[in-house]
Protein backbone atom coordinates (compact mmCIF):
# COMPACT_ATOMS: atom_id res chain seq x y z
CA MET A 1 41.37 22.19 -5.28
CA LYS A 2 39.51 21.84 -1.98
CA LYS A 3 36.70 24.05 -3.27
CA CYS A 4 36.41 21.89 -6.40
CA LEU A 5 36.09 18.72 -4.25
CA TYR A 6 33.30 20.35 -2.20
CA VAL A 7 31.45 21.26 -5.39
CA ILE A 8 31.81 17.73 -6.77
CA ALA A 9 30.71 16.20 -3.45
CA GLY A 10 27.71 18.55 -3.36
CA LEU A 11 26.71 17.64 -6.90
CA MET A 12 27.00 13.94 -6.10
CA LEU A 13 24.81 14.42 -3.05
CA LEU A 14 22.20 16.27 -5.10
CA CYS A 15 22.19 13.49 -7.70
CA THR A 16 21.74 10.89 -4.98
CA VAL A 17 18.85 12.81 -3.43
CA GLY A 18 17.23 13.28 -6.83
CA CYS A 19 17.58 9.57 -7.64
CA THR A 20 16.19 8.62 -4.25
CA ASP A 21 13.22 10.96 -4.67
CA LYS A 22 12.52 9.50 -8.11
CA LYS A 23 12.78 5.94 -6.77
CA VAL A 24 10.40 6.75 -3.92
CA ALA A 25 7.90 8.42 -6.26
CA GLN A 26 8.01 5.43 -8.62
CA ALA A 27 7.55 3.03 -5.70
CA GLU A 28 4.58 5.01 -4.40
CA LEU A 29 2.90 4.97 -7.82
CA ALA A 30 3.56 1.26 -8.40
CA ALA A 31 2.24 0.41 -4.94
CA GLN A 32 -0.89 2.50 -5.58
CA ASP A 33 -1.50 0.59 -8.81
CA ALA A 34 -1.14 -2.73 -7.00
CA ALA A 35 -3.48 -1.53 -4.26
CA ALA A 36 -6.09 -0.41 -6.81
CA ASP A 37 -6.00 -3.79 -8.55
CA TRP A 38 -6.34 -5.57 -5.21
CA LEU A 39 -9.18 -3.31 -4.05
CA GLU A 40 -11.04 -4.15 -7.26
CA LEU A 41 -11.03 -7.80 -6.19
CA VAL A 42 -12.34 -6.86 -2.75
CA ASP A 43 -14.97 -4.53 -4.23
CA ASN A 44 -16.20 -7.38 -6.42
CA GLY A 45 -16.51 -9.72 -3.45
CA GLN A 46 -13.60 -11.84 -4.64
CA TYR A 47 -12.27 -12.21 -1.11
CA GLU A 48 -10.55 -15.54 -1.65
CA GLU A 49 -8.69 -14.25 -4.70
CA SER A 50 -7.80 -11.07 -2.79
CA TRP A 51 -6.19 -13.25 -0.10
CA HIS A 52 -4.22 -15.17 -2.75
CA GLN A 53 -2.94 -11.86 -4.14
CA THR A 54 -1.52 -10.64 -0.81
CA ALA A 55 2.11 -10.66 0.31
CA GLN A 56 3.42 -13.76 2.05
CA PHE A 57 3.72 -11.70 5.25
CA PHE A 58 -0.06 -11.16 5.17
CA LYS A 59 -0.81 -14.81 4.43
CA ASN A 60 1.35 -15.88 7.37
CA ALA A 61 -0.52 -13.49 9.69
CA VAL A 62 -4.10 -14.01 8.46
CA PRO A 63 -5.38 -17.49 7.60
CA LYS A 64 -7.55 -17.58 4.48
CA GLU A 65 -10.67 -18.74 6.36
CA LYS A 66 -10.32 -15.87 8.86
CA TRP A 67 -9.89 -13.40 5.98
CA LEU A 68 -13.03 -14.63 4.23
CA GLU A 69 -15.04 -14.48 7.45
CA THR A 70 -13.79 -11.00 8.31
CA MET A 71 -14.39 -9.55 4.87
CA GLN A 72 -17.91 -10.96 4.63
CA ALA A 73 -18.75 -9.45 8.02
CA LEU A 74 -16.99 -6.14 7.37
CA ARG A 75 -17.46 -5.33 3.68
CA ASP A 76 -20.73 -6.97 2.64
CA PRO A 77 -22.91 -4.73 4.88
CA LEU A 78 -21.32 -1.58 3.39
CA GLY A 79 -22.65 -2.27 -0.08
CA ARG A 80 -20.96 -1.12 -3.26
CA ASN A 81 -18.02 1.27 -3.16
CA LEU A 82 -19.09 4.58 -4.70
CA SER A 83 -15.84 6.52 -4.55
CA ARG A 84 -12.33 6.69 -3.20
CA GLU A 85 -10.13 9.73 -2.74
CA LEU A 86 -6.43 9.32 -2.09
CA GLN A 87 -5.31 11.21 1.01
CA SER A 88 -1.66 10.13 1.08
CA ALA A 89 0.81 7.50 -0.05
CA LEU A 90 4.02 7.38 1.96
CA TYR A 91 7.03 5.18 1.26
CA ARG A 92 8.55 3.52 4.33
CA THR A 93 11.31 0.99 4.97
CA THR A 94 10.22 0.19 8.51
CA LEU A 95 6.80 -0.35 10.06
CA LYS A 96 5.93 -1.31 13.60
CA GLY A 97 5.29 -5.05 13.84
CA ALA A 98 6.64 -5.82 10.38
CA PRO A 99 10.05 -6.83 9.06
CA ASP A 100 12.19 -4.14 7.45
CA GLY A 101 11.47 -3.83 3.76
CA GLU A 102 9.77 -1.55 1.25
CA TYR A 103 6.24 -0.42 2.09
CA VAL A 104 3.83 2.27 0.97
CA VAL A 105 1.16 3.29 3.45
CA ILE A 106 -1.86 4.48 1.47
CA LYS A 107 -4.67 6.39 3.17
CA ILE A 108 -7.99 6.74 1.36
CA GLU A 109 -11.31 8.44 2.09
CA SER A 110 -14.10 6.18 0.80
CA VAL A 111 -17.84 6.33 0.26
CA TYR A 112 -20.02 3.21 0.20
CA GLU A 113 -23.71 2.71 -0.46
CA ASN A 114 -24.36 2.16 3.25
CA LYS A 115 -21.54 4.24 4.76
CA ALA A 116 -21.06 7.82 3.72
CA ALA A 117 -17.60 8.31 5.20
CA ALA A 118 -15.06 5.54 5.61
CA LYS A 119 -11.30 5.49 5.94
CA GLU A 120 -9.20 2.79 4.35
CA ILE A 121 -5.53 2.19 4.96
CA ILE A 122 -3.91 -0.25 2.58
CA THR A 123 -0.25 -1.12 2.82
CA PRO A 124 1.45 -2.79 -0.11
CA MET A 125 4.96 -4.13 0.38
CA MET A 126 7.64 -5.29 -2.01
CA ASP A 127 7.33 -9.09 -2.01
CA ASN A 128 9.61 -11.11 -4.31
CA GLY A 129 9.96 -8.20 -6.72
CA GLU A 130 6.25 -7.27 -6.80
CA TRP A 131 4.10 -4.85 -4.85
CA LYS A 132 1.52 -6.88 -2.92
CA VAL A 133 -0.87 -5.92 -0.15
CA ALA A 134 0.49 -6.67 3.31
CA GLY A 135 -2.14 -4.84 5.34
CA TYR A 136 -5.70 -3.54 5.07
CA TYR A 137 -7.72 -1.53 7.55
CA LEU A 138 -11.24 -0.20 7.10
CA ASN A 139 -12.98 2.10 9.56
């Protein structure tokens, strides 16, 4: 009887791990889709719309006028984006300096007309049931 309980407990644990892995993989893919849509706005110079499409956490941290100023100074000189290659997308429930929640930290290698090698880190978070960008870093 004891052996049977161990087997059942083990199977339940495996099912939980499998479900968790599937949930994480789905979250990572959904967050990547949201990030790609958002990056399209940025690539097209639609900086104001990109700000409107961010998570509330981002909007609270970065005023719209500051976002517009920063993006014009940072992105415009780079020219058109030529390519992006995904390096990683990692699901997290905690990030330094941010409230606990669901996040996916996406690291990308990018090429622009005027910058041959750039790194982008974009962090979507779950915000009111939708994946929205909560952080963006370009180097």
